[in-house]
Amino acid sequence: MTTTNIPPLALTMGDPAGIGPDITLALWAARDALSLPPFLFIGDARVLRERAAVLGLDIAVAAAEPETASAVFPKAIPVLAADCPAPVVPGTPDARNAGAIIGAIETAVALTMAGRTSAVVTNPIAKAVLYDAGFGFPGHTEFLADLAAKATGQPFLPPVMLLAGPKLRAVPVTIHIPLKDVPAALTEDLIVETATITERDLRERFGIGRPRLAIAGLNPHAGEGGALGLEDDAVVRPAVARLRAAGIDAVGPLPADTMFHDAARATYDVALCMYHDQALIPAKALGFDTSVNATLGLPFIRTSPDHGTAFAIAGKGVARPDSLLAALRLAAELAAHEQLAKADA
């Protein structure tokens, strides 16, 4: 799908002490060979220059606005400033830079909702660093939903996290909560809301005509008829019945231990899982370097690599940029699909 005449992607810096600068530089250096979609880096230009020097890369960095980024991109990394007040040392996060990290995300969302950039792509953040500075959200996903709600005056809850890879799409219904809290948090309404948002976005943004949803059970063997837990029959099964009554192609609850082999995955377009690791373990096992984290149900497109900041390898030249590349490509593809849909409307 062509991305001609589409505004650039808004790429946030993430935690500058992590591998976000490393993988951003690596991808831009190979931009021609990779047919990399143009992006506007929202962050600290000094961090990029310093990290390029550490990595032995000769890369130009230039100030830009969304309207000039695509023209700058072939010659230099276009940067919209979100400067860090404290020095950035690879591998050593600093809470004094939390405001700049958060500000980059807020700017990316504002630009994209204004149509000046086509999608938000986020480099990894370290939530513990942001918590020290008063960040009040479990992660990117919840923060983005809050920004959307404030901008539009409409609630965008629950935030829906999709892990999209070449072999599996998976959605956790509950996300960043302790495992012991999952049974109480898992409600029929939450499953229905999450599945409905997922089905709609797969149709409208991913272009899947009639998405097939596989709904995992919460307990081993999907509860084994109540012998291994009551939640599957009391909560999950009625939610699936409601989805089917609404015309959504959903099946379940299914035993999670048999949902992810090759033959099983061929029967559905997305797996809805009941908790974080039930979704993310198979997603990362099947595509650690190529899976993308996308947030569904928002009024803008957002993707991200499915890995963390990897402080231990920041500045060492060994970080793989594959997942960020996949995130940029998916964001550009979704943006192009959205533009085409608007033109046909």
Protein backbone atom coordinates (compact mmCIF):
# COMPACT_ATOMS: atom_id res chain seq x y z
CA MET A 1 0.00 0.00 0.00
CA THR A 2 1.45 3.35 -0.97
CA THR A 3 2.18 6.01 1.60
CA THR A 4 2.53 8.87 -0.92
CA ASN A 5 1.10 12.19 0.28
CA ILE A 6 0.52 10.86 3.77
CA PRO A 7 1.95 12.97 6.62
CA PRO A 8 5.02 11.51 8.32
CA LEU A 9 4.78 9.16 11.26
CA ALA A 10 5.39 10.66 14.71
CA LEU A 11 8.15 8.60 16.38
CA THR A 12 8.70 9.29 20.08
CA MET A 13 12.13 8.95 21.65
CA GLY A 14 11.04 6.67 24.51
CA ASP A 15 13.52 6.52 27.36
CA PRO A 16 16.65 8.10 25.86
CA ALA A 17 18.92 5.96 28.04
CA GLY A 18 17.51 2.82 26.43
CA ILE A 19 17.84 1.39 22.94
CA GLY A 20 15.28 3.71 21.33
CA PRO A 21 17.98 6.02 19.93
CA ASP A 22 20.08 3.02 18.83
CA ILE A 23 17.35 1.37 16.79
CA THR A 24 16.09 4.68 15.40
CA LEU A 25 19.58 5.47 14.11
CA ALA A 26 20.08 1.96 12.72
CA LEU A 27 16.85 2.07 10.75
CA TRP A 28 17.43 5.55 9.36
CA ALA A 29 20.95 4.54 8.28
CA ALA A 30 19.38 1.74 6.22
CA ARG A 31 16.36 3.79 5.11
CA ASP A 32 16.83 3.29 1.38
CA ALA A 33 17.40 -0.46 1.52
CA LEU A 34 14.42 -0.86 3.86
CA SER A 35 12.10 1.57 2.01
CA LEU A 36 11.57 3.11 5.43
CA PRO A 37 8.43 5.26 5.75
CA PRO A 38 9.28 8.86 6.68
CA PHE A 39 9.01 9.76 10.35
CA LEU A 40 9.42 12.83 12.53
CA PHE A 41 11.47 11.99 15.62
CA ILE A 42 10.06 13.74 18.67
CA GLY A 43 12.85 13.93 21.20
CA ASP A 44 16.27 15.30 21.91
CA ALA A 45 18.49 15.86 18.85
CA ARG A 46 21.55 15.98 21.10
CA VAL A 47 20.83 12.44 22.31
CA LEU A 48 20.72 11.19 18.73
CA ARG A 49 24.01 12.92 17.86
CA GLU A 50 25.74 11.63 20.99
CA ARG A 51 24.47 8.10 20.50
CA ALA A 52 25.47 8.12 16.84
CA ALA A 53 29.00 9.08 17.92
CA VAL A 54 29.07 6.25 20.48
CA LEU A 55 27.93 3.79 17.82
CA GLY A 56 30.37 5.10 15.22
CA LEU A 57 27.62 6.25 12.86
CA ASP A 58 27.87 9.32 10.64
CA ILE A 59 24.27 10.49 10.69
CA ALA A 60 22.83 13.94 10.15
CA VAL A 61 20.11 15.29 12.41
CA ALA A 62 18.02 18.35 11.52
CA ALA A 63 15.26 20.35 13.16
CA ALA A 64 11.92 19.94 11.41
CA GLU A 65 8.17 20.38 11.68
CA PRO A 66 5.60 17.82 10.55
CA GLU A 67 5.12 19.70 7.28
CA THR A 68 8.86 19.62 6.42
CA ALA A 69 9.84 16.22 7.85
CA SER A 70 9.27 14.16 4.71
CA ALA A 71 11.46 16.50 2.66
CA VAL A 72 14.21 16.42 5.31
CA PHE A 73 14.03 12.65 5.82
CA PRO A 74 16.17 11.52 2.85
CA LYS A 75 19.09 13.67 4.04
CA ALA A 76 18.80 13.76 7.86
CA ILE A 77 16.68 12.51 10.73
CA PRO A 78 14.00 15.19 11.15
CA VAL A 79 13.60 16.11 14.83
CA LEU A 80 10.95 18.06 16.68
CA ALA A 81 12.53 19.05 19.98
CA ALA A 82 11.59 17.47 23.31
CA ASP A 83 14.85 18.19 25.07
CA CYS A 84 16.11 16.29 28.10
CA PRO A 85 17.14 18.53 31.02
CA ALA A 86 19.65 16.01 32.41
CA PRO A 87 22.59 14.37 30.61
CA VAL A 88 21.73 11.04 28.99
CA VAL A 89 24.04 8.10 29.68
CA PRO A 90 23.28 4.92 27.72
CA GLY A 91 22.02 2.26 30.11
CA THR A 92 21.48 4.67 33.03
CA PRO A 93 17.90 6.01 33.17
CA ASP A 94 17.35 9.34 34.91
CA ALA A 95 13.98 10.38 36.35
CA ARG A 96 14.89 14.02 35.69
CA ASN A 97 14.21 13.31 32.01
CA ALA A 98 10.75 11.86 32.66
CA GLY A 99 9.02 15.12 31.74
CA ALA A 100 10.65 15.14 28.30
CA ILE A 101 9.74 11.48 27.73
CA ILE A 102 6.10 12.11 28.64
CA GLY A 103 6.03 15.35 26.68
CA ALA A 104 7.20 13.59 23.51
CA ILE A 105 4.25 11.21 23.75
CA GLU A 106 1.79 14.03 24.36
CA THR A 107 3.15 15.96 21.38
CA ALA A 108 2.96 12.92 19.09
CA VAL A 109 -0.67 12.34 20.03
CA ALA A 110 -1.62 16.00 19.59
CA LEU A 111 0.05 16.19 16.16
CA THR A 112 -1.58 12.99 14.97
CA MET A 113 -5.04 13.94 16.19
CA ALA A 114 -4.59 17.26 14.36
CA GLY A 115 -3.70 15.40 11.13
CA ARG A 116 -0.18 16.84 10.98
CA THR A 117 1.33 13.37 11.45
CA SER A 118 -0.35 10.18 10.30
CA ALA A 119 0.25 7.84 13.27
CA VAL A 120 2.01 7.58 16.61
CA VAL A 121 4.92 5.13 16.91
CA THR A 122 6.40 4.93 20.39
CA ASN A 123 9.89 3.86 21.34
CA PRO A 124 10.07 1.89 24.61
CA ILE A 125 9.70 3.59 27.97
CA ALA A 126 10.73 2.46 31.46
CA LYS A 127 7.63 2.86 33.57
CA ALA A 128 9.51 2.72 36.87
CA VAL A 129 11.46 5.83 35.83
CA LEU A 130 8.24 7.66 35.03
CA TYR A 131 6.56 6.54 38.26
CA ASP A 132 9.32 8.26 40.19
CA ALA A 133 8.29 11.48 38.46
CA GLY A 134 4.59 11.04 39.25
CA PHE A 135 3.41 9.24 36.08
CA GLY A 136 0.02 7.81 37.05
CA PHE A 137 -0.52 5.05 34.48
CA PRO A 138 0.46 1.36 34.31
CA GLY A 139 1.92 1.85 30.82
CA HIS A 140 1.76 3.49 27.39
CA THR A 141 -1.61 1.94 26.55
CA GLU A 142 -3.52 3.45 29.45
CA PHE A 143 -1.81 6.83 29.06
CA LEU A 144 -2.74 7.03 25.38
CA ALA A 145 -6.36 6.22 26.21
CA ASP A 146 -6.38 9.02 28.78
CA LEU A 147 -4.90 11.51 26.29
CA ALA A 148 -7.56 10.56 23.75
CA ALA A 149 -10.31 10.95 26.32
CA LYS A 150 -9.09 14.39 27.37
CA ALA A 151 -8.76 15.56 23.77
CA THR A 152 -12.20 14.41 22.67
CA GLY A 153 -14.24 14.51 25.87
CA GLN A 154 -15.13 10.85 25.27
CA PRO A 155 -13.95 7.83 27.28
CA PHE A 156 -11.74 5.37 25.39
CA LEU A 157 -11.80 2.50 27.83
CA PRO A 158 -10.84 -0.21 28.08
CA PRO A 159 -7.61 0.43 26.20
CA VAL A 160 -7.04 -2.57 23.95
CA MET A 161 -3.51 -3.86 23.41
CA LEU A 162 -2.94 -5.90 20.26
CA LEU A 163 0.28 -7.84 19.72
CA ALA A 164 0.48 -8.29 15.95
CA GLY A 165 3.09 -10.55 14.40
CA PRO A 166 3.47 -12.56 11.21
CA LYS A 167 2.20 -15.71 12.95
CA LEU A 168 -0.21 -14.45 15.61
CA ARG A 169 -2.41 -11.55 16.64
CA ALA A 170 -3.21 -11.63 20.36
CA VAL A 171 -5.13 -9.31 22.70
CA PRO A 172 -5.04 -9.48 26.51
CA VAL A 173 -8.42 -8.57 28.02
CA THR A 174 -6.85 -7.55 31.33
CA ILE A 175 -3.46 -5.92 30.97
CA HIS A 176 -1.12 -4.48 33.57
CA ILE A 177 -2.53 -5.91 36.79
CA PRO A 178 -1.24 -8.61 39.16
CA LEU A 179 -2.32 -12.13 38.28
CA LYS A 180 -4.09 -12.49 41.61
CA ASP A 181 -6.41 -9.60 40.64
CA VAL A 182 -7.41 -10.99 37.24
CA PRO A 183 -10.47 -13.10 38.26
CA ALA A 184 -12.13 -10.13 39.97
CA ALA A 185 -11.29 -7.74 37.12
CA LEU A 186 -12.50 -10.10 34.39
CA THR A 187 -16.14 -9.35 33.69
CA GLU A 188 -18.56 -10.29 30.96
CA ASP A 189 -18.86 -6.64 29.93
CA LEU A 190 -15.07 -6.21 29.76
CA ILE A 191 -14.68 -9.22 27.47
CA VAL A 192 -17.51 -8.01 25.22
CA GLU A 193 -16.15 -4.45 25.04
CA THR A 194 -12.60 -5.63 24.29
CA ALA A 195 -13.75 -8.08 21.63
CA THR A 196 -16.05 -5.53 20.02
CA ILE A 197 -13.27 -2.93 19.75
CA THR A 198 -10.88 -5.57 18.41
CA GLU A 199 -13.33 -6.81 15.78
CA ARG A 200 -14.15 -3.27 14.64
CA ASP A 201 -10.53 -2.19 14.28
CA LEU A 202 -9.54 -5.37 12.46
CA ARG A 203 -12.31 -4.61 9.97
CA GLU A 204 -11.89 -0.87 9.64
CA ARG A 205 -8.13 -0.41 10.05
CA PHE A 206 -6.66 -3.78 9.09
CA GLY A 207 -9.09 -4.48 6.25
CA ILE A 208 -10.15 -7.95 7.44
CA GLY A 209 -13.67 -8.44 6.10
CA ARG A 210 -15.07 -10.69 8.83
CA PRO A 211 -12.57 -11.18 11.65
CA ARG A 212 -12.58 -14.54 13.43
CA LEU A 213 -12.05 -14.24 17.20
CA ALA A 214 -10.81 -17.13 19.35
CA ILE A 215 -11.61 -16.48 23.01
CA ALA A 216 -9.34 -18.20 25.53
CA GLY A 217 -10.56 -19.58 28.81
CA LEU A 218 -9.18 -18.21 32.05
CA ASN A 219 -8.49 -21.51 33.81
CA PRO A 220 -6.64 -24.65 32.70
CA HIS A 221 -8.75 -26.62 30.19
CA ALA A 222 -11.18 -23.65 30.14
CA GLY A 223 -12.35 -24.65 33.61
CA GLU A 224 -12.99 -28.34 32.87
CA GLY A 225 -16.74 -27.90 33.36
CA GLY A 226 -16.24 -26.13 36.67
CA ALA A 227 -13.78 -28.60 38.16
CA LEU A 228 -10.88 -26.17 37.63
CA GLY A 229 -12.67 -22.89 38.20
CA LEU A 230 -16.07 -21.35 37.65
CA GLU A 231 -15.13 -18.20 35.72
CA ASP A 232 -15.14 -19.79 32.27
CA ASP A 233 -18.75 -20.94 32.47
CA ALA A 234 -19.97 -17.99 34.54
CA VAL A 235 -18.17 -15.12 32.76
CA VAL A 236 -16.39 -16.08 29.53
CA ARG A 237 -19.04 -18.30 27.96
CA PRO A 238 -21.89 -15.78 28.36
CA ALA A 239 -19.64 -13.07 26.89
CA VAL A 240 -19.01 -15.22 23.81
CA ALA A 241 -22.74 -15.83 23.47
CA ARG A 242 -23.36 -12.07 23.51
CA LEU A 243 -20.71 -11.51 20.85
CA ARG A 244 -22.22 -14.15 18.58
CA ALA A 245 -25.67 -12.67 19.09
CA ALA A 246 -24.24 -9.33 17.94
CA GLY A 247 -23.01 -10.93 14.72
CA ILE A 248 -19.34 -11.25 15.69
CA ASP A 249 -17.59 -14.47 14.68
CA ALA A 250 -16.34 -15.54 18.11
CA VAL A 251 -15.72 -18.99 19.59
CA GLY A 252 -14.81 -20.01 23.13
CA PRO A 253 -13.92 -20.34 25.86
CA LEU A 254 -11.07 -22.42 24.44
CA PRO A 255 -8.30 -24.15 26.42
CA ALA A 256 -5.35 -21.79 26.08
CA ASP A 257 -2.80 -24.61 25.96
CA THR A 258 -4.11 -25.79 22.57
CA MET A 259 -4.79 -22.41 20.93
CA PHE A 260 -1.37 -21.48 19.62
CA HIS A 261 -0.02 -24.37 17.54
CA ASP A 262 0.10 -23.96 13.76
CA ALA A 263 -3.19 -25.69 12.90
CA ALA A 264 -5.12 -23.88 15.62
CA ARG A 265 -3.85 -20.44 14.58
CA ALA A 266 -5.07 -21.05 11.04
CA THR A 267 -8.67 -21.05 12.31
CA TYR A 268 -8.77 -17.48 13.65
CA ASP A 269 -7.56 -13.94 12.98
CA VAL A 270 -6.99 -12.89 16.59
CA ALA A 271 -6.79 -14.59 19.97
CA LEU A 272 -8.43 -12.84 22.93
CA CYS A 273 -6.67 -13.88 26.09
CA MET A 274 -7.76 -13.29 29.66
CA TYR A 275 -4.55 -11.85 31.09
CA HIS A 276 -1.28 -10.25 30.05
CA ASP A 277 1.08 -13.23 29.89
CA GLN A 278 -1.50 -15.56 28.35
CA ALA A 279 -1.34 -13.30 25.28
CA LEU A 280 2.20 -11.96 25.34
CA ILE A 281 4.09 -15.21 25.93
CA PRO A 282 2.88 -16.89 22.71
CA ALA A 283 3.05 -13.61 20.79
CA LYS A 284 6.68 -13.02 21.72
CA ALA A 285 7.65 -16.68 21.40
CA LEU A 286 6.31 -16.74 17.84
CA GLY A 287 7.72 -13.38 16.76
CA PHE A 288 9.90 -11.65 19.33
CA ASP A 289 11.79 -9.52 16.80
CA THR A 290 8.91 -8.96 14.39
CA SER A 291 5.80 -8.46 16.53
CA VAL A 292 4.24 -5.04 16.99
CA ASN A 293 2.28 -3.62 19.90
CA ALA A 294 -0.74 -1.67 18.61
CA THR A 295 -3.38 0.13 20.65
CA LEU A 296 -6.93 -0.38 19.37
CA GLY A 297 -10.04 1.65 20.03
CA LEU A 298 -8.35 5.07 19.84
CA PRO A 299 -9.12 7.93 17.46
CA PHE A 300 -5.57 7.67 16.08
CA ILE A 301 -3.20 4.91 14.98
CA ARG A 302 -0.54 3.84 17.47
CA THR A 303 2.09 1.14 17.17
CA SER A 304 5.23 0.27 19.11
CA PRO A 305 7.96 -2.36 19.23
CA ASP A 306 6.95 -5.23 21.50
CA HIS A 307 10.16 -5.09 23.57
CA GLY A 308 11.41 -2.88 26.38
CA THR A 309 14.18 -0.35 26.84
CA ALA A 310 16.96 -2.97 27.12
CA PHE A 311 19.18 -0.67 29.16
CA ALA A 312 21.87 -3.36 29.44
CA ILE A 313 22.67 -3.16 25.72
CA ALA A 314 22.01 0.53 25.05
CA GLY A 315 24.88 2.19 23.20
CA LYS A 316 26.62 -1.13 22.45
CA GLY A 317 25.57 -1.49 18.84
CA VAL A 318 23.88 -4.87 19.29
CA ALA A 319 20.20 -3.88 19.60
CA ARG A 320 18.06 -5.32 16.81
CA PRO A 321 15.72 -2.80 15.14
CA ASP A 322 13.39 -5.42 13.61
CA SER A 323 10.40 -4.78 15.86
CA LEU A 324 10.60 -1.00 15.47
CA LEU A 325 10.83 -1.50 11.71
CA ALA A 326 7.70 -3.67 11.84
CA ALA A 327 5.96 -1.02 13.96
CA LEU A 328 6.79 1.76 11.50
CA ARG A 329 5.69 -0.32 8.53
CA LEU A 330 2.42 -1.35 10.17
CA ALA A 331 1.67 2.25 11.18
CA ALA A 332 2.31 3.42 7.62
CA GLU A 333 0.16 0.63 6.20
CA LEU A 334 -2.73 1.41 8.54
CA ALA A 335 -2.42 5.13 7.79
CA ALA A 336 -2.54 4.45 4.06
CA HIS A 337 -5.58 2.20 4.51
CA GLU A 338 -7.28 4.90 6.57
CA GLN A 339 -6.55 7.54 3.94
CA LEU A 340 -7.95 5.28 1.20
CA ALA A 341 -11.08 4.57 3.24
CA LYS A 342 -11.67 8.30 3.76
CA ALA A 343 -11.21 8.95 0.03
CA ASP A 344 -13.77 6.27 -0.81
CA ALA A 345 -16.29 7.49 1.79
